[in-house]
Amino acid sequence: MLTQKDFDEIERLIKNTVREEIKHLPTKDEFYAKMDELMGEVQTMREEQTLIAGTLSEHTDKLENHKTRITKLEEIPSL
């Protein structure tokens, strides 16, 4: 059976272990600063993705236009 001394020793070990592990974690300010940085990068990527999608759409339209024009030219009988 565990004595009060045993419980006190277990509590001390747990506190020391937790204290040791917690010191490796960032502070709240460090965490929020890093999250702000990451969210800024995510926002930039989303904006770039929107621009790229627009450019891709323009290229697709241009290719369709070329396809239509080539098909019409191919239908003209050659001399």
N, C-alpha and C. Protein backbone atom coordinates (compact mmCIF):
# COMPACT_ATOMS: atom_id res chain seq x y z
N MET A 1 0.84 -1.17 0.00
CA MET A 1 0.00 0.00 0.00
C MET A 1 0.89 1.24 0.00
N LEU A 2 0.44 2.25 -0.75
CA LEU A 2 1.22 3.48 -0.87
C LEU A 2 1.01 4.39 0.34
N THR A 3 2.09 4.97 0.75
CA THR A 3 2.03 5.90 1.88
C THR A 3 1.93 7.32 1.35
N GLN A 4 1.71 8.26 2.25
CA GLN A 4 1.65 9.67 1.87
C GLN A 4 2.99 10.11 1.28
N LYS A 5 4.07 9.56 1.81
CA LYS A 5 5.40 9.89 1.30
C LYS A 5 5.53 9.44 -0.17
N ASP A 6 4.99 8.26 -0.47
CA ASP A 6 5.01 7.75 -1.85
C ASP A 6 4.21 8.68 -2.78
N PHE A 7 3.03 9.09 -2.32
CA PHE A 7 2.21 10.01 -3.12
C PHE A 7 2.92 11.33 -3.35
N ASP A 8 3.56 11.84 -2.31
CA ASP A 8 4.31 13.10 -2.43
C ASP A 8 5.44 12.96 -3.44
N GLU A 9 6.13 11.83 -3.42
CA GLU A 9 7.24 11.59 -4.35
C GLU A 9 6.71 11.47 -5.79
N ILE A 10 5.60 10.78 -5.96
CA ILE A 10 4.99 10.65 -7.29
C ILE A 10 4.58 12.04 -7.80
N GLU A 11 3.97 12.84 -6.94
CA GLU A 11 3.57 14.18 -7.32
C GLU A 11 4.77 15.03 -7.71
N ARG A 12 5.85 14.94 -6.96
CA ARG A 12 7.07 15.68 -7.26
C ARG A 12 7.63 15.27 -8.61
N LEU A 13 7.67 13.96 -8.88
CA LEU A 13 8.18 13.46 -10.16
C LEU A 13 7.32 13.95 -11.33
N ILE A 14 6.02 13.92 -11.14
CA ILE A 14 5.12 14.37 -12.21
C ILE A 14 5.32 15.85 -12.47
N LYS A 15 5.38 16.65 -11.42
CA LYS A 15 5.58 18.10 -11.57
C LYS A 15 6.89 18.40 -12.28
N ASN A 16 7.95 17.70 -11.88
CA ASN A 16 9.26 17.93 -12.52
C ASN A 16 9.23 17.52 -13.99
N THR A 17 8.60 16.40 -14.28
CA THR A 17 8.51 15.93 -15.66
C THR A 17 7.71 16.91 -16.52
N VAL A 18 6.58 17.34 -16.00
CA VAL A 18 5.73 18.28 -16.73
C VAL A 18 6.49 19.59 -16.94
N ARG A 19 7.14 20.09 -15.91
CA ARG A 19 7.90 21.33 -16.00
C ARG A 19 8.99 21.20 -17.07
N GLU A 20 9.65 20.07 -17.10
CA GLU A 20 10.73 19.82 -18.08
C GLU A 20 10.17 19.80 -19.51
N GLU A 21 9.03 19.19 -19.69
CA GLU A 21 8.43 19.10 -21.03
C GLU A 21 7.85 20.44 -21.47
N ILE A 22 7.25 21.18 -20.56
CA ILE A 22 6.63 22.46 -20.89
C ILE A 22 7.65 23.48 -21.36
N LYS A 23 8.87 23.40 -20.84
CA LYS A 23 9.85 24.42 -21.22
C LYS A 23 10.23 24.34 -22.70
N HIS A 24 9.90 23.23 -23.37
CA HIS A 24 10.17 23.09 -24.81
C HIS A 24 9.06 23.70 -25.67
N LEU A 25 7.93 24.00 -25.05
CA LEU A 25 6.81 24.57 -25.80
C LEU A 25 7.00 26.07 -25.99
N PRO A 26 6.47 26.62 -27.09
CA PRO A 26 6.59 28.07 -27.29
C PRO A 26 5.66 28.82 -26.34
N THR A 27 5.98 30.08 -26.11
CA THR A 27 5.09 30.92 -25.33
C THR A 27 3.87 31.26 -26.17
N LYS A 28 2.87 31.83 -25.53
CA LYS A 28 1.66 32.19 -26.26
C LYS A 28 1.98 33.22 -27.34
N ASP A 29 2.83 34.19 -27.01
CA ASP A 29 3.20 35.22 -27.99
C ASP A 29 3.96 34.61 -29.16
N GLU A 30 4.87 33.68 -28.88
CA GLU A 30 5.62 33.02 -29.95
C GLU A 30 4.69 32.21 -30.84
N PHE A 31 3.74 31.52 -30.20
CA PHE A 31 2.78 30.70 -30.94
C PHE A 31 1.94 31.58 -31.88
N TYR A 32 1.39 32.68 -31.34
CA TYR A 32 0.54 33.54 -32.16
C TYR A 32 1.34 34.24 -33.26
N ALA A 33 2.58 34.59 -32.98
CA ALA A 33 3.42 35.21 -34.01
C ALA A 33 3.64 34.23 -35.16
N LYS A 34 3.92 32.98 -34.83
CA LYS A 34 4.14 31.96 -35.86
C LYS A 34 2.84 31.69 -36.63
N MET A 35 1.72 31.66 -35.93
CA MET A 35 0.44 31.43 -36.60
C MET A 35 0.11 32.59 -37.54
N ASP A 36 0.40 33.82 -37.12
CA ASP A 36 0.18 34.98 -38.00
C ASP A 36 1.03 34.85 -39.26
N GLU A 37 2.27 34.43 -39.09
CA GLU A 37 3.17 34.26 -40.24
C GLU A 37 2.62 33.19 -41.19
N LEU A 38 2.19 32.07 -40.63
CA LEU A 38 1.66 30.99 -41.45
C LEU A 38 0.36 31.40 -42.15
N MET A 39 -0.50 32.10 -41.45
CA MET A 39 -1.76 32.53 -42.07
C MET A 39 -1.49 33.53 -43.19
N GLY A 40 -0.47 34.36 -43.02
CA GLY A 40 -0.09 35.28 -44.10
C GLY A 40 0.35 34.51 -45.34
N GLU A 41 1.13 33.44 -45.12
CA GLU A 41 1.58 32.62 -46.25
C GLU A 41 0.41 31.91 -46.91
N VAL A 42 -0.53 31.41 -46.11
CA VAL A 42 -1.71 30.74 -46.67
C VAL A 42 -2.52 31.74 -47.50
N GLN A 43 -2.70 32.95 -46.99
CA GLN A 43 -3.44 33.98 -47.72
C GLN A 43 -2.77 34.29 -49.06
N THR A 44 -1.44 34.41 -49.04
CA THR A 44 -0.69 34.69 -50.26
C THR A 44 -0.87 33.55 -51.26
N MET A 45 -0.80 32.31 -50.79
CA MET A 45 -0.97 31.15 -51.68
C MET A 45 -2.37 31.14 -52.29
N ARG A 46 -3.37 31.47 -51.50
CA ARG A 46 -4.74 31.49 -52.03
C ARG A 46 -4.89 32.55 -53.10
N GLU A 47 -4.29 33.71 -52.87
CA GLU A 47 -4.37 34.78 -53.88
C GLU A 47 -3.65 34.37 -55.16
N GLU A 48 -2.48 33.74 -55.02
CA GLU A 48 -1.74 33.27 -56.19
C GLU A 48 -2.53 32.21 -56.93
N GLN A 49 -3.19 31.32 -56.18
CA GLN A 49 -3.98 30.26 -56.80
C GLN A 49 -5.12 30.87 -57.62
N THR A 50 -5.74 31.91 -57.11
CA THR A 50 -6.81 32.58 -57.83
C THR A 50 -6.29 33.18 -59.14
N LEU A 51 -5.12 33.83 -59.05
CA LEU A 51 -4.53 34.42 -60.26
C LEU A 51 -4.16 33.34 -61.28
N ILE A 52 -3.61 32.26 -60.81
CA ILE A 52 -3.22 31.16 -61.71
C ILE A 52 -4.46 30.55 -62.36
N ALA A 53 -5.53 30.40 -61.58
CA ALA A 53 -6.77 29.84 -62.15
C ALA A 53 -7.31 30.75 -63.25
N GLY A 54 -7.22 32.06 -63.05
CA GLY A 54 -7.68 33.00 -64.08
C GLY A 54 -6.84 32.89 -65.34
N THR A 55 -5.53 32.79 -65.17
CA THR A 55 -4.63 32.64 -66.32
C THR A 55 -4.91 31.34 -67.06
N LEU A 56 -5.12 30.28 -66.31
CA LEU A 56 -5.43 28.98 -66.91
C LEU A 56 -6.72 29.05 -67.70
N SER A 57 -7.71 29.75 -67.16
CA SER A 57 -8.98 29.89 -67.86
C SER A 57 -8.79 30.64 -69.18
N GLU A 58 -7.97 31.69 -69.15
CA GLU A 58 -7.69 32.44 -70.37
C GLU A 58 -6.99 31.56 -71.41
N HIS A 59 -6.05 30.75 -70.96
CA HIS A 59 -5.34 29.85 -71.88
C HIS A 59 -6.30 28.82 -72.47
N THR A 60 -7.18 28.29 -71.63
CA THR A 60 -8.15 27.31 -72.12
C THR A 60 -9.06 27.93 -73.19
N ASP A 61 -9.52 29.16 -72.93
CA ASP A 61 -10.36 29.86 -73.91
C ASP A 61 -9.61 30.06 -75.22
N LYS A 62 -8.35 30.45 -75.11
CA LYS A 62 -7.53 30.70 -76.30
C LYS A 62 -7.35 29.40 -77.10
N LEU A 63 -7.10 28.29 -76.39
CA LEU A 63 -6.94 26.99 -77.07
C LEU A 63 -8.23 26.58 -77.78
N GLU A 64 -9.36 26.80 -77.13
CA GLU A 64 -10.64 26.47 -77.75
C GLU A 64 -10.85 27.32 -79.01
N ASN A 65 -10.47 28.59 -78.94
CA ASN A 65 -10.58 29.47 -80.09
C ASN A 65 -9.70 28.95 -81.23
N HIS A 66 -8.49 28.57 -80.91
CA HIS A 66 -7.58 28.03 -81.93
C HIS A 66 -8.14 26.75 -82.53
N LYS A 67 -8.69 25.89 -81.68
CA LYS A 67 -9.26 24.62 -82.15
C LYS A 67 -10.39 24.89 -83.16
N THR A 68 -11.25 25.85 -82.83
CA THR A 68 -12.36 26.20 -83.72
C THR A 68 -11.82 26.73 -85.05
N ARG A 69 -10.85 27.62 -84.99
CA ARG A 69 -10.29 28.20 -86.21
C ARG A 69 -9.60 27.14 -87.06
N ILE A 70 -8.85 26.24 -86.43
CA ILE A 70 -8.15 25.18 -87.18
C ILE A 70 -9.16 24.25 -87.84
N THR A 71 -10.23 23.91 -87.11
CA THR A 71 -11.26 23.05 -87.68
C THR A 71 -11.89 23.70 -88.92
N LYS A 72 -12.16 24.98 -88.85
CA LYS A 72 -12.73 25.69 -90.01
C LYS A 72 -11.76 25.70 -91.18
N LEU A 73 -10.48 25.91 -90.88
CA LEU A 73 -9.47 25.92 -91.95
C LEU A 73 -9.33 24.55 -92.59
N GLU A 74 -9.46 23.51 -91.82
CA GLU A 74 -9.34 22.16 -92.34
C GLU A 74 -10.53 21.81 -93.24
N GLU A 75 -11.66 22.45 -93.01
CA GLU A 75 -12.85 22.18 -93.82
C GLU A 75 -12.77 22.82 -95.20
N ILE A 76 -11.92 23.84 -95.36
CA ILE A 76 -11.79 24.53 -96.66
C ILE A 76 -11.04 23.58 -97.61
N PRO A 77 -11.65 23.30 -98.77
CA PRO A 77 -10.97 22.40 -99.71
C PRO A 77 -9.69 23.03 -100.24
N SER A 78 -8.67 22.25 -100.27
CA SER A 78 -7.38 22.76 -100.78
C SER A 78 -7.38 22.70 -102.30
N LEU A 79 -6.63 23.56 -102.92
CA LEU A 79 -6.58 23.63 -104.38
C LEU A 79 -5.68 22.61 -104.94
